C-alpha cells in the first residue's frame, strides 16, 4: 500500500559558530505544576544577540524537569499532570521517601520527561512551532527555587 506524500525542505544554511552565551534563570515555583519559561528564554536569546544556532535549556534538579508542549489550551497541561500522577503515584510503595511521599514520584516523573532541551535559533528567534511553549515542570508539592541553565551557541549579529 502506498500513500502520496509531499515533502519539501528549505535550502541548506551554513554558519560557523562564533559565540557562546550562558546565563542561569532562577524560577520560584509554587509547588506541583507547569511554569511557562518561553519568554525568559526568548529574552536571553535577544540579549545574547543570537542570530543562528541553538539554545540549550538545562534544569539542575532531579525532581523538576522541562518539556515543550502546547501553550494555547491550559487543559493540555492539566491532562499531562494527570498522566504523570498516574504513572508515578505517591502511594506506589516507594522505598525512597527521605524527603516525603512526593520525592520518589518526582524523580520518576523527571526520568519520564527531560532535564535538557535543545531549541534551534533561526534569524534571532526560537524556532518553536505556533502552539509550542517551554515549561519547567515542578514535581514536588511544596514550592522550590529551581535553576535553569541557558546556553546559546551560534552566530550573533
C-alpha atoms as a PDB file:
ATOM      1  CA  UNK A   1       0.000   0.000   0.000  1.00  0.00           C
ATOM      2  CA  UNK A   2       1.393   3.379  -0.882  1.00  0.00           C
ATOM      3  CA  UNK A   3       0.396   6.825   0.187  1.00  0.00           C
ATOM      4  CA  UNK A   4       1.153  10.008  -1.643  1.00  0.00           C
ATOM      5  CA  UNK A   5       3.116  12.494   0.417  1.00  0.00           C
ATOM      6  CA  UNK A   6       4.537  15.847  -0.390  1.00  0.00           C
ATOM      7  CA  UNK A   7       7.828  16.704   1.228  1.00  0.00           C
ATOM      8  CA  UNK A   8       9.893  19.818   0.912  1.00  0.00           C
ATOM      9  CA  UNK A   9      12.973  21.182   2.598  1.00  0.00           C
ATOM     10  CA  UNK A  10      14.322  24.711   2.767  1.00  0.00           C
ATOM     11  CA  UNK A  11      17.740  25.346   1.235  1.00  0.00           C
ATOM     12  CA  UNK A  12      20.720  24.484   3.410  1.00  0.00           C
ATOM     13  CA  UNK A  13      22.017  27.347   5.548  1.00  0.00           C
ATOM     14  CA  UNK A  14      25.568  27.268   6.898  1.00  0.00           C
ATOM     15  CA  UNK A  15      27.191  29.301   9.616  1.00  0.00           C
ATOM     16  CA  UNK A  16      30.269  28.994  11.795  1.00  0.00           C
ATOM     17  CA  UNK A  17      29.531  29.246  15.495  1.00  0.00           C
ATOM     18  CA  UNK A  18      31.246  32.384  16.731  1.00  0.00           C
ATOM     19  CA  UNK A  19      29.616  32.956  20.075  1.00  0.00           C
ATOM     20  CA  UNK A  20      28.763  31.175  23.307  1.00  0.00           C
ATOM     21  CA  UNK A  21      26.499  32.959  25.785  1.00  0.00           C
ATOM     22  CA  UNK A  22      25.351  31.494  29.096  1.00  0.00           C
ATOM     23  CA  UNK A  23      23.066  32.524  31.919  1.00  0.00           C
ATOM     24  CA  UNK A  24      21.199  30.959  34.834  1.00  0.00           C
ATOM     25  CA  UNK A  25      17.454  31.525  35.124  1.00  0.00           C
ATOM     26  CA  UNK A  26      16.048  31.192  38.653  1.00  0.00           C
ATOM     27  CA  UNK A  27      12.428  30.079  38.864  1.00  0.00           C
ATOM     28  CA  UNK A  28      10.474  30.140  42.129  1.00  0.00           C
ATOM     29  CA  UNK A  29       7.766  27.509  41.760  1.00  0.00           C
ATOM     30  CA  UNK A  30       4.515  27.435  43.677  1.00  0.00           C
ATOM     31  CA  UNK A  31       4.571  23.660  44.043  1.00  0.00           C
ATOM     32  CA  UNK A  32       3.470  20.981  41.606  1.00  0.00           C
ATOM     33  CA  UNK A  33       2.710  22.280  38.126  1.00  0.00           C
ATOM     34  CA  UNK A  34       3.955  23.833  34.914  1.00  0.00           C
ATOM     35  CA  UNK A  35       5.703  27.212  34.666  1.00  0.00           C
ATOM     36  CA  UNK A  36       5.989  28.730  31.187  1.00  0.00           C
ATOM     37  CA  UNK A  37       9.573  29.958  30.723  1.00  0.00           C
ATOM     38  CA  UNK A  38       9.379  30.614  26.970  1.00  0.00           C
ATOM     39  CA  UNK A  39       9.535  34.422  27.274  1.00  0.00           C
ATOM     40  CA  UNK A  40      12.563  34.281  29.556  1.00  0.00           C
ATOM     41  CA  UNK A  41      14.400  32.029  27.087  1.00  0.00           C
ATOM     42  CA  UNK A  42      13.462  34.323  24.192  1.00  0.00           C
ATOM     43  CA  UNK A  43      14.710  37.333  26.192  1.00  0.00           C
ATOM     44  CA  UNK A  44      18.009  35.519  26.806  1.00  0.00           C
ATOM     45  CA  UNK A  45      18.340  34.819  23.059  1.00  0.00           C
ATOM     46  CA  UNK A  46      17.690  38.500  22.302  1.00  0.00           C
ATOM     47  CA  UNK A  47      20.167  39.676  24.961  1.00  0.00           C
ATOM     48  CA  UNK A  48      22.791  37.304  23.549  1.00  0.00           C
ATOM     49  CA  UNK A  49      22.186  38.951  20.151  1.00  0.00           C
ATOM     50  CA  UNK A  50      21.744  35.450  18.774  1.00  0.00           C
ATOM     51  CA  UNK A  51      21.267  35.052  15.039  1.00  0.00           C
ATOM     52  CA  UNK A  52      21.523  31.361  14.097  1.00  0.00           C
ATOM     53  CA  UNK A  53      22.455  28.409  16.295  1.00  0.00           C
ATOM     54  CA  UNK A  54      20.903  26.609  19.208  1.00  0.00           C
ATOM     55  CA  UNK A  55      19.965  27.242  22.800  1.00  0.00           C
ATOM     56  CA  UNK A  56      20.314  24.520  25.395  1.00  0.00           C
ATOM     57  CA  UNK A  57      17.971  24.670  28.369  1.00  0.00           C
ATOM     58  CA  UNK A  58      19.036  22.522  31.346  1.00  0.00           C
ATOM     59  CA  UNK A  59      17.400  22.229  34.780  1.00  0.00           C
ATOM     60  CA  UNK A  60      19.820  21.482  37.639  1.00  0.00           C
ATOM     61  CA  UNK A  61      17.473  19.272  39.651  1.00  0.00           C
ATOM     62  CA  UNK A  62      16.297  15.664  39.874  1.00  0.00           C
ATOM     63  CA  UNK A  63      12.726  16.403  40.922  1.00  0.00           C
ATOM     64  CA  UNK A  64      11.873  19.032  38.296  1.00  0.00           C
ATOM     65  CA  UNK A  65      12.030  18.779  34.520  1.00  0.00           C
ATOM     66  CA  UNK A  66      11.498  20.535  31.206  1.00  0.00           C
ATOM     67  CA  UNK A  67       9.143  19.998  28.308  1.00  0.00           C
ATOM     68  CA  UNK A  68       7.959  21.640  25.110  1.00  0.00           C
ATOM     69  CA  UNK A  69       4.180  21.468  24.951  1.00  0.00           C
ATOM     70  CA  UNK A  70       1.086  23.201  23.650  1.00  0.00           C
ATOM     71  CA  UNK A  71       0.672  26.707  25.043  1.00  0.00           C
ATOM     72  CA  UNK A  72      -2.817  27.529  23.755  1.00  0.00           C
ATOM     73  CA  UNK A  73      -5.141  25.307  25.787  1.00  0.00           C
ATOM     74  CA  UNK A  74      -4.337  25.024  29.516  1.00  0.00           C
ATOM     75  CA  UNK A  75      -6.280  21.764  29.782  1.00  0.00           C
ATOM     76  CA  UNK A  76      -3.359  20.080  27.981  1.00  0.00           C
ATOM     77  CA  UNK A  77      -1.143  20.814  30.994  1.00  0.00           C
ATOM     78  CA  UNK A  78      -3.842  19.554  33.356  1.00  0.00           C
ATOM     79  CA  UNK A  79      -4.122  16.310  31.404  1.00  0.00           C
ATOM     80  CA  UNK A  80      -0.333  15.917  31.329  1.00  0.00           C
ATOM     81  CA  UNK A  81      -0.230  16.308  35.123  1.00  0.00           C
ATOM     82  CA  UNK A  82      -2.923  13.641  35.397  1.00  0.00           C
ATOM     83  CA  UNK A  83      -0.888  11.238  33.262  1.00  0.00           C
ATOM     84  CA  UNK A  84       2.318  11.824  35.234  1.00  0.00           C
ATOM     85  CA  UNK A  85       0.465  11.273  38.523  1.00  0.00           C
ATOM     86  CA  UNK A  86      -0.987   8.013  37.207  1.00  0.00           C
ATOM     87  CA  UNK A  87       2.430   6.811  36.024  1.00  0.00           C
ATOM     88  CA  UNK A  88       4.181   7.724  39.288  1.00  0.00           C
ATOM     89  CA  UNK A  89       1.661   7.928  42.137  1.00  0.00           C
ATOM     90  CA  UNK A  90       2.720   8.788  45.682  1.00  0.00           C
ATOM     91  CA  UNK A  91       1.230   5.606  47.115  1.00  0.00           C
ATOM     92  CA  UNK A  92       3.161   3.081  44.995  1.00  0.00           C
ATOM     93  CA  UNK A  93       5.203   1.682  47.887  1.00  0.00           C
ATOM     94  CA  UNK A  94       8.379   3.593  47.096  1.00  0.00           C
ATOM     95  CA  UNK A  95      11.376   2.805  49.313  1.00  0.00           C
ATOM     96  CA  UNK A  96      12.977   6.243  48.866  1.00  0.00           C
ATOM     97  CA  UNK A  97      10.873   8.639  50.935  1.00  0.00           C
ATOM     98  CA  UNK A  98      13.525  10.579  52.865  1.00  0.00           C
ATOM     99  CA  UNK A  99      12.122  13.944  51.767  1.00  0.00           C
ATOM    100  CA  UNK A 100       8.460  12.936  51.839  1.00  0.00           C
ATOM    101  CA  UNK A 101       5.986  10.837  49.873  1.00  0.00           C
ATOM    102  CA  UNK A 102       6.233  13.049  46.763  1.00  0.00           C
ATOM    103  CA  UNK A 103      10.035  12.726  46.449  1.00  0.00           C
ATOM    104  CA  UNK A 104      10.425   9.395  44.635  1.00  0.00           C
ATOM    105  CA  UNK A 105       7.452  10.024  42.323  1.00  0.00           C
ATOM    106  CA  UNK A 106       9.140  13.344  41.442  1.00  0.00           C
ATOM    107  CA  UNK A 107      12.324  11.517  40.454  1.00  0.00           C
ATOM    108  CA  UNK A 108      10.347   9.094  38.275  1.00  0.00           C
ATOM    109  CA  UNK A 109       8.452  11.943  36.588  1.00  0.00           C
ATOM    110  CA  UNK A 110      11.765  13.685  35.851  1.00  0.00           C
ATOM    111  CA  UNK A 111      13.118  10.482  34.319  1.00  0.00           C
ATOM    112  CA  UNK A 112       9.998  10.207  32.122  1.00  0.00           C
ATOM    113  CA  UNK A 113      10.293  13.773  30.859  1.00  0.00           C
ATOM    114  CA  UNK A 114      13.616  15.591  30.397  1.00  0.00           C
ATOM    115  CA  UNK A 115      16.141  17.756  32.218  1.00  0.00           C
ATOM    116  CA  UNK A 116      17.576  19.212  28.999  1.00  0.00           C
ATOM    117  CA  UNK A 117      16.139  20.641  25.785  1.00  0.00           C
ATOM    118  CA  UNK A 118      17.825  21.822  22.597  1.00  0.00           C
ATOM    119  CA  UNK A 119      15.950  24.532  20.665  1.00  0.00           C
ATOM    120  CA  UNK A 120      17.138  25.824  17.290  1.00  0.00           C
ATOM    121  CA  UNK A 121      17.551  29.571  16.906  1.00  0.00           C
ATOM    122  CA  UNK A 122      16.882  30.856  13.390  1.00  0.00           C
ATOM    123  CA  UNK A 123      17.280  34.509  12.421  1.00  0.00           C
ATOM    124  CA  UNK A 124      17.354  35.543  16.075  1.00  0.00           C
ATOM    125  CA  UNK A 125      14.219  33.700  17.166  1.00  0.00           C
ATOM    126  CA  UNK A 126      13.432  30.435  18.887  1.00  0.00           C
ATOM    127  CA  UNK A 127      12.298  28.015  16.162  1.00  0.00           C
ATOM    128  CA  UNK A 128       9.279  26.848  18.149  1.00  0.00           C
ATOM    129  CA  UNK A 129       6.017  25.994  16.460  1.00  0.00           C
ATOM    130  CA  UNK A 130       2.981  28.246  16.685  1.00  0.00           C
ATOM    131  CA  UNK A 131       1.458  26.453  19.682  1.00  0.00           C
ATOM    132  CA  UNK A 132       4.666  25.402  21.455  1.00  0.00           C
ATOM    133  CA  UNK A 133       5.884  26.727  24.772  1.00  0.00           C
ATOM    134  CA  UNK A 134       8.771  25.706  27.015  1.00  0.00           C
ATOM    135  CA  UNK A 135       7.796  24.681  30.529  1.00  0.00           C
ATOM    136  CA  UNK A 136       9.576  23.942  33.768  1.00  0.00           C
ATOM    137  CA  UNK A 137       7.625  21.161  35.481  1.00  0.00           C
ATOM    138  CA  UNK A 138       7.746  21.164  39.270  1.00  0.00           C
ATOM    139  CA  UNK A 139       7.132  17.637  40.527  1.00  0.00           C
ATOM    140  CA  UNK A 140       7.251  18.401  44.266  1.00  0.00           C
ATOM    141  CA  UNK A 141       4.232  19.564  46.273  1.00  0.00           C
ATOM    142  CA  UNK A 142       5.937  22.409  48.101  1.00  0.00           C
ATOM    143  CA  UNK A 143       7.436  25.490  46.433  1.00  0.00           C
ATOM    144  CA  UNK A 144      11.059  25.266  45.300  1.00  0.00           C
ATOM    145  CA  UNK A 145      13.707  27.572  43.887  1.00  0.00           C
ATOM    146  CA  UNK A 146      14.841  25.981  40.622  1.00  0.00           C
ATOM    147  CA  UNK A 147      17.849  26.884  38.493  1.00  0.00           C
ATOM    148  CA  UNK A 148      17.720  26.571  34.723  1.00  0.00           C
ATOM    149  CA  UNK A 149      20.973  26.962  32.774  1.00  0.00           C
ATOM    150  CA  UNK A 150      20.600  28.670  29.389  1.00  0.00           C
ATOM    151  CA  UNK A 151      23.367  28.443  26.806  1.00  0.00           C
ATOM    152  CA  UNK A 152      23.361  29.748  23.249  1.00  0.00           C
ATOM    153  CA  UNK A 153      25.971  28.539  20.765  1.00  0.00           C
ATOM    154  CA  UNK A 154      25.953  30.045  17.302  1.00  0.00           C
ATOM    155  CA  UNK A 155      26.334  33.251  15.360  1.00  0.00           C
ATOM    156  CA  UNK A 156      25.454  36.715  16.547  1.00  0.00           C
ATOM    157  CA  UNK A 157      24.589  39.820  14.704  1.00  0.00           C
END
